[in-house]
Amino acid sequence: MDETRRAWGRNIRQCRRALGPDGRPRSFAEVDPGPMSQARLAELVGVQQSAVAKWERGITEPRMAHKQMLAAVLHQDVFMLFPLSRAERVA
């Protein structure tokens, strides 16, 4: 499960960094505003910034409701953002 959490964390971080602070893809901005911050993502999802940091580092895993919110905020399908591990797919 640790490797799965780390993979999910990489997905969250990559998707967050692809968005600007306003939640729109950075590629559409005339001037690159920089990536969405962990604090901004936390605000949009309704958690503390430290929770986002822990998710991105693979220390903890978001609850299902937060996974759904993350997917919506990051413009991703929940199953693409949080794919099952090989063991979970087989079971």
C-alpha atoms as a PDB file:
ATOM      1  CA  MET A   1       0.000   0.000   0.000  1.00  0.00           C
ATOM      2  CA  ASP A   2       2.898   2.372   0.646  1.00  0.00           C
ATOM      3  CA  GLU A   3       3.904   2.344  -3.023  1.00  0.00           C
ATOM      4  CA  THR A   4       0.292   2.917  -4.041  1.00  0.00           C
ATOM      5  CA  ARG A   5       0.034   5.928  -1.710  1.00  0.00           C
ATOM      6  CA  ARG A   6       3.290   7.323  -3.102  1.00  0.00           C
ATOM      7  CA  ALA A   7       1.982   6.914  -6.663  1.00  0.00           C
ATOM      8  CA  TRP A   8      -1.275   8.648  -5.721  1.00  0.00           C
ATOM      9  CA  GLY A   9       0.747  11.448  -4.117  1.00  0.00           C
ATOM     10  CA  ARG A  10       2.772  11.918  -7.298  1.00  0.00           C
ATOM     11  CA  ASN A  11      -0.473  12.118  -9.276  1.00  0.00           C
ATOM     12  CA  ILE A  12      -1.939  14.743  -6.929  1.00  0.00           C
ATOM     13  CA  ARG A  13       1.256  16.837  -7.027  1.00  0.00           C
ATOM     14  CA  GLN A  14       1.573  16.627 -10.819  1.00  0.00           C
ATOM     15  CA  CYS A  15      -2.057  17.605 -11.388  1.00  0.00           C
ATOM     16  CA  ARG A  16      -1.901  20.450  -8.838  1.00  0.00           C
ATOM     17  CA  ARG A  17       1.218  21.878 -10.459  1.00  0.00           C
ATOM     18  CA  ALA A  18      -0.459  21.805 -13.877  1.00  0.00           C
ATOM     19  CA  LEU A  19      -3.116  24.219 -12.599  1.00  0.00           C
ATOM     20  CA  GLY A  20      -2.775  27.888 -11.804  1.00  0.00           C
ATOM     21  CA  PRO A  21      -3.987  29.429  -8.535  1.00  0.00           C
ATOM     22  CA  ASP A  22      -7.408  29.998 -10.096  1.00  0.00           C
ATOM     23  CA  GLY A  23      -7.817  26.291 -10.884  1.00  0.00           C
ATOM     24  CA  ARG A  24      -7.451  26.730 -14.643  1.00  0.00           C
ATOM     25  CA  PRO A  25      -4.743  24.962 -16.636  1.00  0.00           C
ATOM     26  CA  ARG A  26      -1.557  27.037 -16.609  1.00  0.00           C
ATOM     27  CA  SER A  27      -1.171  26.637 -20.377  1.00  0.00           C
ATOM     28  CA  PHE A  28      -4.180  28.960 -20.918  1.00  0.00           C
ATOM     29  CA  ALA A  29      -2.717  31.849 -18.917  1.00  0.00           C
ATOM     30  CA  GLU A  30      -1.080  34.709 -20.800  1.00  0.00           C
ATOM     31  CA  VAL A  31       1.442  35.123 -18.012  1.00  0.00           C
ATOM     32  CA  ASP A  32       2.301  31.977 -16.083  1.00  0.00           C
ATOM     33  CA  PRO A  33       1.022  32.594 -12.540  1.00  0.00           C
ATOM     34  CA  GLY A  34       2.864  29.572 -11.201  1.00  0.00           C
ATOM     35  CA  PRO A  35       1.317  26.371  -9.910  1.00  0.00           C
ATOM     36  CA  MET A  36      -1.615  26.082  -7.561  1.00  0.00           C
ATOM     37  CA  SER A  37      -0.310  25.983  -4.002  1.00  0.00           C
ATOM     38  CA  GLN A  38      -0.953  23.196  -1.550  1.00  0.00           C
ATOM     39  CA  ALA A  39      -2.736  25.765   0.611  1.00  0.00           C
ATOM     40  CA  ARG A  40      -5.095  26.719  -2.236  1.00  0.00           C
ATOM     41  CA  LEU A  41      -5.825  23.064  -3.043  1.00  0.00           C
ATOM     42  CA  ALA A  42      -6.480  22.415   0.649  1.00  0.00           C
ATOM     43  CA  GLU A  43      -8.880  25.357   0.763  1.00  0.00           C
ATOM     44  CA  LEU A  44     -10.805  24.078  -2.263  1.00  0.00           C
ATOM     45  CA  VAL A  45     -11.020  20.534  -0.887  1.00  0.00           C
ATOM     46  CA  GLY A  46     -11.812  21.622   2.682  1.00  0.00           C
ATOM     47  CA  VAL A  47      -8.760  20.296   4.511  1.00  0.00           C
ATOM     48  CA  GLN A  48      -5.603  21.674   6.112  1.00  0.00           C
ATOM     49  CA  GLN A  49      -2.522  22.337   3.947  1.00  0.00           C
ATOM     50  CA  SER A  50      -0.650  19.752   5.995  1.00  0.00           C
ATOM     51  CA  ALA A  51      -3.112  17.081   4.813  1.00  0.00           C
ATOM     52  CA  VAL A  52      -2.315  17.878   1.171  1.00  0.00           C
ATOM     53  CA  ALA A  53       1.408  17.753   1.959  1.00  0.00           C
ATOM     54  CA  LYS A  54       1.004  14.339   3.594  1.00  0.00           C
ATOM     55  CA  TRP A  55      -1.019  13.040   0.646  1.00  0.00           C
ATOM     56  CA  GLU A  56       1.591  14.247  -1.831  1.00  0.00           C
ATOM     57  CA  ARG A  57       4.378  12.566   0.142  1.00  0.00           C
ATOM     58  CA  GLY A  58       2.401   9.328   0.415  1.00  0.00           C
ATOM     59  CA  ILE A  59       2.301   9.465   4.212  1.00  0.00           C
ATOM     60  CA  THR A  60      -1.485   9.327   4.418  1.00  0.00           C
ATOM     61  CA  GLU A  61      -4.269   8.648   1.978  1.00  0.00           C
ATOM     62  CA  PRO A  62      -7.268  10.909   1.365  1.00  0.00           C
ATOM     63  CA  ARG A  63     -10.692   9.707   2.480  1.00  0.00           C
ATOM     64  CA  MET A  64     -13.086   8.749  -0.310  1.00  0.00           C
ATOM     65  CA  ALA A  65     -14.978  12.050  -0.101  1.00  0.00           C
ATOM     66  CA  HIS A  66     -11.694  13.942  -0.389  1.00  0.00           C
ATOM     67  CA  LYS A  67     -10.615  11.765  -3.328  1.00  0.00           C
ATOM     68  CA  GLN A  68     -13.785  12.775  -5.134  1.00  0.00           C
ATOM     69  CA  MET A  69     -13.234  16.461  -4.315  1.00  0.00           C
ATOM     70  CA  LEU A  70      -9.595  16.258  -5.418  1.00  0.00           C
ATOM     71  CA  ALA A  71     -10.620  14.672  -8.709  1.00  0.00           C
ATOM     72  CA  ALA A  72     -13.162  17.427  -9.324  1.00  0.00           C
ATOM     73  CA  VAL A  73     -10.833  20.288  -8.373  1.00  0.00           C
ATOM     74  CA  LEU A  74      -7.928  18.828 -10.372  1.00  0.00           C
ATOM     75  CA  HIS A  75     -10.152  18.075 -13.401  1.00  0.00           C
ATOM     76  CA  GLN A  76      -9.324  14.376 -13.294  1.00  0.00           C
ATOM     77  CA  ASP A  77     -11.261  11.143 -13.212  1.00  0.00           C
ATOM     78  CA  VAL A  78     -11.082   9.698  -9.696  1.00  0.00           C
ATOM     79  CA  PHE A  79      -9.947   6.322 -11.083  1.00  0.00           C
ATOM     80  CA  MET A  80      -7.151   7.933 -13.112  1.00  0.00           C
ATOM     81  CA  LEU A  81      -5.967  10.008 -10.161  1.00  0.00           C
ATOM     82  CA  PHE A  82      -6.168   7.072  -7.736  1.00  0.00           C
ATOM     83  CA  PRO A  83      -5.579   3.862  -9.704  1.00  0.00           C
ATOM     84  CA  LEU A  84      -5.785   0.587  -7.825  1.00  0.00           C
ATOM     85  CA  SER A  85      -2.593  -1.235  -6.964  1.00  0.00           C
ATOM     86  CA  ARG A  86      -1.896  -4.506  -8.750  1.00  0.00           C
ATOM     87  CA  ALA A  87      -2.815  -6.468  -5.614  1.00  0.00           C
ATOM     88  CA  GLU A  88      -6.123  -4.596  -5.305  1.00  0.00           C
ATOM     89  CA  ARG A  89      -6.968  -5.283  -8.961  1.00  0.00           C
ATOM     90  CA  VAL A  90      -6.373  -9.017  -8.510  1.00  0.00           C
ATOM     91  CA  ALA A  91      -8.300  -9.362  -5.239  1.00  0.00           C
END
